[in-house]
Amino acid sequence: MKPFLILLASLFLTISCQNENIDLGLNVSDTFYVENEGASMRVLVEGNTGSNTFLLFVHGGPGTSSYFYNTDYISKNIEDKFACVYWDERNAGASQGNSNSENLNLTQMTDDLKKVITVLKYRYGQDVSVFIIGHSFGGLLTSSFMTTGNNQSMVKGWIFASGSHNYALNDSLTRLMMLDLGRQQITLNINTDKWTPIIEYCNQHTGNFTFEESNQLNAYASDAETYFDEVIKTDFIEILKGNAIKYNWPLTSILLNQKYSSKADFNKDLAKTEFSSTLYKVTTPTLVLGGKYDFICPSELGENVYNNISTNEKKIAISPVSGHNIFYQDESIFCFEVNEFIEKYK
């Protein structure tokens, strides 16, 4: 029996050490989970994996989900050319694990992003081209990634899309934008009843914002873009309802993770975080996208990124009709700019 057991053990080790057989093709859908420090994070890879080029979405929040970026338009206009990677961060979307309160911090999440890219290269080949796109809070997370160690060598390009990399600057720019455009709207007698309390709040709170003041500014900013007819309204609750059944989204998991992460203590630490002073480290090609009517992350934040990075291979594009969610509100511009950028630097 002993030789048989040795043979069986050898066979088991041989099988377990073999690489997983990954299909490459034009229209692939591949779901797997990346384990790291108590979190089991969902990753969905869809589209043209045969291109050897991957666009990794780093979503907002903290605690929302990459499900929201997996739109039919992106499927038809980006996934036909490249593979899109929809990653749910720890305590977000369909990701699993314990509450991980001790590991719910920017340093850990930066390491999570590095781990996801490492797994992508293990599964699909070390020679694949990876691009990362950070939206909203994802802008802060990707800024952390790009300025930490030698991480940026893992990617061919960085897309900063209506993101935030400096929360104190973000609050100041949001306040100034609401004052400026709000006063203009009142002068034109447009939505005066809605703009008046916003203007009053901004006049009463002028800087050195508390965490509660920052949250209130963000709430007003979310409303402000809806007061312009040019901007397509995006109701994420309705999007959630419409897609949960149609595409079998894990509704309970998404909502519970979002509630937990949005209320977590580490959000107070994020309010003090900035990367303007370290962006000079970025030498990787960078695309900055923004919306003219984005009050949550004003386009001046993108300009700050553009002006502080060291690479000469950079471009900034501002949608004239978008608020905070350019991938919904100006789909054609979003996909055009992303495709052109990836094609140039892949």
Protein backbone atom coordinates (compact mmCIF):
# COMPACT_ATOMS: atom_id res chain seq x y z
CA MET A 1 0.00 0.00 0.00
CA LYS A 2 2.87 2.37 0.72
CA PRO A 3 4.08 2.67 -2.92
CA PHE A 4 0.46 3.27 -3.97
CA LEU A 5 0.08 6.08 -1.43
CA ILE A 6 3.32 7.68 -2.58
CA LEU A 7 2.15 7.48 -6.21
CA LEU A 8 -1.25 8.92 -5.27
CA ALA A 9 0.35 11.78 -3.35
CA SER A 10 2.70 12.55 -6.23
CA LEU A 11 -0.20 12.55 -8.68
CA PHE A 12 -2.19 14.90 -6.43
CA LEU A 13 0.71 17.34 -6.14
CA THR A 14 1.26 17.28 -9.89
CA ILE A 15 -2.38 18.05 -10.60
CA SER A 16 -2.67 20.74 -7.92
CA CYS A 17 0.43 22.56 -9.16
CA GLN A 18 -0.77 22.76 -12.75
CA ASN A 19 -2.02 26.15 -13.97
CA GLU A 20 -5.75 26.48 -14.33
CA ASN A 21 -6.88 26.10 -17.93
CA ILE A 22 -8.12 29.58 -18.90
CA ASP A 23 -10.09 30.13 -22.08
CA LEU A 24 -9.06 33.01 -24.32
CA GLY A 25 -11.57 34.34 -26.79
CA LEU A 26 -13.57 37.25 -28.17
CA ASN A 27 -16.54 36.98 -25.81
CA VAL A 28 -15.44 35.39 -22.55
CA SER A 29 -17.15 35.61 -19.15
CA ASP A 30 -15.00 34.40 -16.28
CA THR A 31 -15.78 34.83 -12.56
CA PHE A 32 -13.34 34.01 -9.78
CA TYR A 33 -12.50 35.18 -6.26
CA VAL A 34 -9.23 36.66 -5.02
CA GLU A 35 -8.39 35.88 -1.39
CA ASN A 36 -6.41 38.39 0.65
CA GLU A 37 -6.25 39.10 4.37
CA GLY A 38 -9.69 37.84 5.34
CA ALA A 39 -11.52 39.00 2.22
CA SER A 40 -12.75 36.94 -0.72
CA MET A 41 -13.14 39.46 -3.52
CA ARG A 42 -15.25 38.82 -6.60
CA VAL A 43 -13.66 39.42 -9.98
CA LEU A 44 -15.58 39.20 -13.25
CA VAL A 45 -13.62 39.23 -16.50
CA GLU A 46 -15.69 39.81 -19.63
CA GLY A 47 -14.98 40.51 -23.26
CA ASN A 48 -12.06 39.97 -25.57
CA THR A 49 -9.46 38.18 -23.46
CA GLY A 50 -7.77 37.13 -26.70
CA SER A 51 -6.57 40.73 -27.03
CA ASN A 52 -4.22 40.20 -24.06
CA THR A 53 -5.34 43.64 -22.88
CA PHE A 54 -7.33 44.13 -19.66
CA LEU A 55 -9.12 47.19 -18.29
CA LEU A 56 -9.54 46.88 -14.51
CA PHE A 57 -12.36 48.95 -12.98
CA VAL A 58 -11.68 50.28 -9.47
CA HIS A 59 -15.08 51.38 -8.24
CA GLY A 60 -16.25 54.19 -5.99
CA GLY A 61 -17.70 54.18 -2.54
CA PRO A 62 -16.18 52.84 -0.43
CA GLY A 63 -18.58 49.94 -0.59
CA THR A 64 -20.42 50.28 -3.91
CA SER A 65 -19.75 47.67 -6.59
CA SER A 66 -18.21 47.08 -9.99
CA TYR A 67 -21.59 45.75 -11.14
CA PHE A 68 -22.61 49.35 -11.92
CA TYR A 69 -19.84 49.73 -14.51
CA ASN A 70 -20.75 46.56 -16.38
CA THR A 71 -23.21 48.32 -18.70
CA ASP A 72 -24.59 47.11 -22.01
CA TYR A 73 -22.92 50.06 -23.75
CA ILE A 74 -19.49 49.24 -22.35
CA SER A 75 -20.04 45.59 -23.25
CA LYS A 76 -20.68 46.56 -26.88
CA ASN A 77 -18.08 49.29 -27.20
CA ILE A 78 -15.10 48.29 -25.06
CA GLU A 79 -15.43 44.57 -24.37
CA ASP A 80 -15.47 43.87 -28.12
CA LYS A 81 -11.88 45.17 -28.28
CA PHE A 82 -10.44 44.41 -24.85
CA ALA A 83 -11.30 42.49 -21.70
CA CYS A 84 -12.95 44.40 -18.87
CA VAL A 85 -12.24 43.38 -15.29
CA TYR A 86 -14.97 44.16 -12.77
CA TRP A 87 -13.47 43.89 -9.28
CA ASP A 88 -15.55 44.17 -6.11
CA GLU A 89 -13.31 45.57 -3.39
CA ARG A 90 -13.35 44.10 0.12
CA ASN A 91 -16.72 44.63 1.81
CA ALA A 92 -18.29 45.67 -1.49
CA GLY A 93 -20.59 44.17 -4.09
CA ALA A 94 -20.49 40.38 -4.13
CA SER A 95 -17.26 40.11 -2.17
CA GLN A 96 -17.32 37.84 0.85
CA GLY A 97 -15.52 37.33 4.14
CA ASN A 98 -15.88 38.69 7.65
CA SER A 99 -16.53 42.38 8.32
CA ASN A 100 -12.74 42.87 8.31
CA SER A 101 -12.96 46.17 10.17
CA GLU A 102 -9.30 45.96 11.13
CA ASN A 103 -8.33 45.45 7.47
CA LEU A 104 -10.73 48.00 6.00
CA ASN A 105 -8.19 50.73 5.28
CA LEU A 106 -6.49 52.32 2.30
CA THR A 107 -3.17 50.56 2.79
CA GLN A 108 -4.83 47.14 2.79
CA MET A 109 -7.05 47.98 -0.17
CA THR A 110 -3.99 49.16 -2.10
CA ASP A 111 -2.44 45.77 -1.46
CA ASP A 112 -5.73 44.14 -2.55
CA LEU A 113 -5.50 45.93 -5.90
CA LYS A 114 -1.93 44.74 -6.34
CA LYS A 115 -3.03 41.18 -5.54
CA VAL A 116 -5.84 41.33 -8.12
CA ILE A 117 -3.40 42.44 -10.84
CA THR A 118 -0.97 39.70 -9.80
CA VAL A 119 -3.72 37.09 -10.11
CA LEU A 120 -4.78 38.46 -13.51
CA LYS A 121 -1.24 38.05 -14.80
CA TYR A 122 -1.00 34.57 -13.31
CA ARG A 123 -4.22 33.47 -14.99
CA TYR A 124 -3.84 35.12 -18.38
CA GLY A 125 -0.08 35.50 -18.79
CA GLN A 126 2.68 37.73 -17.47
CA ASP A 127 2.82 39.54 -20.81
CA VAL A 128 -0.76 40.86 -20.72
CA SER A 129 -1.32 44.61 -20.73
CA VAL A 130 -3.27 45.88 -17.73
CA PHE A 131 -4.86 49.32 -17.46
CA ILE A 132 -6.56 50.56 -14.29
CA ILE A 133 -9.45 53.01 -14.15
CA GLY A 134 -10.38 54.66 -10.85
CA HIS A 135 -13.74 56.37 -10.43
CA SER A 136 -14.74 58.52 -7.43
CA PHE A 137 -13.20 56.81 -4.34
CA GLY A 138 -11.47 54.58 -6.89
CA GLY A 139 -9.46 57.68 -7.83
CA LEU A 140 -8.06 57.79 -4.29
CA LEU A 141 -7.36 54.06 -4.27
CA THR A 142 -5.62 54.08 -7.66
CA SER A 143 -3.64 57.20 -6.63
CA SER A 144 -2.42 55.24 -3.61
CA PHE A 145 -1.53 52.29 -5.83
CA MET A 146 0.29 54.38 -8.42
CA THR A 147 2.43 56.19 -5.82
CA THR A 148 3.30 53.15 -3.68
CA GLY A 149 6.59 51.37 -4.28
CA ASN A 150 7.02 50.11 -7.83
CA ASN A 151 3.34 49.28 -8.33
CA GLN A 152 2.91 51.40 -11.44
CA SER A 153 5.29 49.10 -13.31
CA MET A 154 2.50 46.49 -13.20
CA VAL A 155 0.21 48.56 -15.45
CA LYS A 156 0.48 50.10 -18.90
CA GLY A 157 -1.76 53.04 -18.11
CA TRP A 158 -3.86 54.83 -15.49
CA ILE A 159 -7.29 56.32 -16.13
CA PHE A 160 -8.52 58.82 -13.53
CA ALA A 161 -12.26 59.20 -14.18
CA SER A 162 -14.16 61.72 -12.05
CA GLY A 163 -12.03 60.64 -9.16
CA SER A 164 -10.75 62.16 -5.95
CA HIS A 165 -7.14 62.01 -4.81
CA ASN A 166 -7.23 64.79 -2.22
CA TYR A 167 -10.32 64.96 -0.03
CA ALA A 168 -9.61 68.35 1.56
CA LEU A 169 -9.08 69.92 -1.87
CA ASN A 170 -12.16 68.06 -3.08
CA ASP A 171 -14.37 69.67 -0.41
CA SER A 172 -13.02 73.15 -1.16
CA LEU A 173 -13.57 72.78 -4.91
CA THR A 174 -17.07 71.36 -4.39
CA ARG A 175 -18.01 74.33 -2.21
CA LEU A 176 -16.62 76.90 -4.69
CA MET A 177 -18.33 75.23 -7.64
CA MET A 178 -21.70 75.19 -5.90
CA LEU A 179 -21.31 78.85 -4.93
CA ASP A 180 -20.31 79.87 -8.46
CA LEU A 181 -22.88 77.95 -10.49
CA GLY A 182 -25.55 78.24 -7.81
CA ARG A 183 -25.35 82.04 -7.85
CA GLN A 184 -25.51 82.01 -11.64
CA GLN A 185 -28.65 79.88 -11.54
CA ILE A 186 -30.30 82.14 -8.96
CA THR A 187 -29.51 85.20 -11.10
CA LEU A 188 -31.26 83.44 -13.98
CA ASN A 189 -34.14 82.58 -11.65
CA ILE A 190 -33.62 78.85 -12.21
CA ASN A 191 -34.29 76.45 -9.31
CA THR A 192 -33.93 79.30 -6.84
CA ASP A 193 -35.66 77.35 -4.07
CA LYS A 194 -33.17 74.51 -4.46
CA TRP A 195 -30.02 76.57 -4.77
CA THR A 196 -30.75 78.98 -1.92
CA PRO A 197 -30.14 76.52 0.97
CA ILE A 198 -26.98 75.27 -0.78
CA ILE A 199 -25.61 78.80 -1.13
CA GLU A 200 -26.48 79.58 2.49
CA TYR A 201 -24.70 76.44 3.72
CA CYS A 202 -21.59 77.18 1.66
CA ASN A 203 -21.50 80.74 2.98
CA GLN A 204 -21.73 79.47 6.55
CA HIS A 205 -19.05 76.77 6.14
CA THR A 206 -15.93 78.16 4.51
CA GLY A 207 -13.10 75.69 5.20
CA ASN A 208 -11.38 73.27 7.58
CA PHE A 209 -14.43 71.10 7.17
CA THR A 210 -15.44 68.55 9.75
CA PHE A 211 -16.34 65.03 8.65
CA GLU A 212 -20.04 65.91 9.03
CA GLU A 213 -19.63 69.09 6.96
CA SER A 214 -17.83 67.13 4.27
CA ASN A 215 -20.70 64.65 4.10
CA GLN A 216 -23.23 67.48 3.81
CA LEU A 217 -21.27 69.11 0.99
CA ASN A 218 -21.20 65.74 -0.78
CA ALA A 219 -24.97 65.36 -0.36
CA TYR A 220 -25.60 68.82 -1.80
CA ALA A 221 -23.17 68.07 -4.63
CA SER A 222 -25.07 64.92 -5.53
CA ASP A 223 -28.27 66.94 -5.83
CA ALA A 224 -26.68 69.89 -7.64
CA GLU A 225 -25.93 68.11 -10.90
CA THR A 226 -29.59 67.08 -11.21
CA TYR A 227 -30.58 70.75 -11.50
CA PHE A 228 -29.10 70.98 -15.01
CA ASP A 229 -31.11 69.70 -17.96
CA GLU A 230 -27.94 68.85 -19.89
CA VAL A 231 -27.06 66.08 -17.44
CA ILE A 232 -28.67 62.65 -17.75
CA LYS A 233 -30.15 61.67 -14.40
CA THR A 234 -28.67 58.52 -12.86
CA ASP A 235 -30.63 56.82 -10.11
CA PHE A 236 -28.50 53.94 -8.84
CA ILE A 237 -31.35 52.51 -6.80
CA GLU A 238 -33.41 52.21 -9.98
CA ILE A 239 -30.42 50.78 -11.84
CA LEU A 240 -30.03 48.26 -9.04
CA LYS A 241 -33.70 47.30 -9.18
CA GLY A 242 -33.71 47.03 -12.96
CA ASN A 243 -30.61 44.87 -13.20
CA ALA A 244 -30.80 42.75 -10.06
CA ILE A 245 -33.29 40.31 -11.54
CA LYS A 246 -32.35 40.74 -15.21
CA TYR A 247 -28.68 39.92 -14.60
CA ASN A 248 -28.98 37.97 -11.33
CA TRP A 249 -27.16 40.51 -9.17
CA PRO A 250 -26.71 39.55 -5.48
CA LEU A 251 -28.90 42.39 -4.24
CA THR A 252 -28.69 41.59 -0.52
CA SER A 253 -24.90 41.34 -0.56
CA ILE A 254 -24.52 44.59 -2.52
CA LEU A 255 -26.77 46.55 -0.16
CA LEU A 256 -25.35 45.14 3.08
CA ASN A 257 -21.75 45.66 1.99
CA GLN A 258 -22.51 49.22 0.91
CA LYS A 259 -24.20 50.03 4.20
CA TYR A 260 -21.33 48.60 6.23
CA SER A 261 -18.48 50.23 4.28
CA SER A 262 -20.12 53.63 3.98
CA LYS A 263 -20.52 53.78 7.78
CA ALA A 264 -17.09 52.35 8.65
CA ASP A 265 -14.75 54.41 10.83
CA PHE A 266 -11.97 54.44 8.24
CA ASN A 267 -13.94 56.96 6.18
CA LYS A 268 -12.86 59.59 8.73
CA ASP A 269 -9.23 58.74 8.03
CA LEU A 270 -9.82 59.08 4.30
CA ALA A 271 -11.06 62.64 4.84
CA LYS A 272 -7.49 63.61 5.76
CA THR A 273 -5.86 61.77 2.86
CA GLU A 274 -4.19 63.48 -0.09
CA PHE A 275 -1.88 62.41 -2.93
CA SER A 276 -1.24 65.76 -4.64
CA SER A 277 2.17 65.87 -2.97
CA THR A 278 3.23 62.42 -4.19
CA LEU A 279 1.78 62.34 -7.71
CA TYR A 280 5.14 63.43 -9.10
CA LYS A 281 6.11 59.76 -8.80
CA VAL A 282 3.71 58.82 -11.62
CA THR A 283 5.58 58.32 -14.90
CA THR A 284 3.02 55.98 -16.48
CA PRO A 285 0.72 57.16 -19.33
CA THR A 286 -2.37 58.74 -17.78
CA LEU A 287 -5.82 59.70 -19.05
CA VAL A 288 -7.90 62.11 -16.95
CA LEU A 289 -11.67 62.18 -17.53
CA GLY A 290 -14.19 64.48 -15.91
CA GLY A 291 -17.60 66.07 -16.19
CA LYS A 292 -18.42 69.76 -16.51
CA TYR A 293 -21.29 69.35 -14.04
CA ASP A 294 -19.55 67.03 -11.59
CA PHE A 295 -19.95 68.73 -8.21
CA ILE A 296 -18.96 65.60 -6.25
CA CYS A 297 -15.48 65.44 -7.80
CA PRO A 298 -15.09 68.70 -9.74
CA SER A 299 -13.01 68.58 -12.91
CA GLU A 300 -10.37 70.77 -11.22
CA LEU A 301 -9.38 67.67 -9.24
CA GLY A 302 -8.48 66.01 -12.51
CA GLU A 303 -6.54 69.09 -13.53
CA ASN A 304 -4.60 68.84 -10.26
CA VAL A 305 -3.70 65.24 -11.12
CA TYR A 306 -2.77 66.21 -14.68
CA ASN A 307 -0.51 69.05 -13.48
CA ASN A 308 1.25 67.05 -10.76
CA ILE A 309 2.12 63.77 -12.49
CA SER A 310 5.55 63.54 -14.13
CA THR A 311 4.66 61.71 -17.31
CA ASN A 312 4.48 63.64 -20.57
CA GLU A 313 2.20 60.94 -21.97
CA LYS A 314 -1.01 62.35 -20.58
CA LYS A 315 -4.36 63.68 -21.73
CA ILE A 316 -7.33 65.36 -20.07
CA ALA A 317 -10.88 65.28 -21.47
CA ILE A 318 -13.91 66.95 -19.87
CA SER A 319 -17.41 65.98 -20.98
CA PRO A 320 -19.64 69.07 -21.56
CA VAL A 321 -22.78 67.17 -20.53
CA SER A 322 -21.65 64.84 -17.73
CA GLY A 323 -21.96 65.00 -13.98
CA HIS A 324 -20.20 62.51 -11.71
CA ASN A 325 -20.91 59.37 -13.76
CA ILE A 326 -19.44 59.88 -17.21
CA PHE A 327 -19.76 56.17 -18.05
CA TYR A 328 -23.57 56.63 -17.89
CA GLN A 329 -24.01 60.29 -18.74
CA ASP A 330 -21.68 60.53 -21.73
CA GLU A 331 -21.17 56.93 -22.82
CA SER A 332 -19.84 57.71 -26.29
CA ILE A 333 -17.14 60.11 -25.08
CA PHE A 334 -16.18 57.75 -22.27
CA CYS A 335 -15.74 54.73 -24.53
CA PHE A 336 -14.02 56.73 -27.28
CA GLU A 337 -11.43 58.21 -24.95
CA VAL A 338 -10.80 54.94 -23.11
CA ASN A 339 -10.46 52.92 -26.32
CA GLU A 340 -8.13 55.46 -27.91
CA PHE A 341 -5.94 55.59 -24.79
CA ILE A 342 -5.66 51.82 -24.45
CA GLU A 343 -4.98 51.33 -28.15
CA LYS A 344 -2.16 53.87 -28.01
CA TYR A 345 -0.36 52.43 -24.98
CA LYS A 346 -1.18 48.72 -24.89
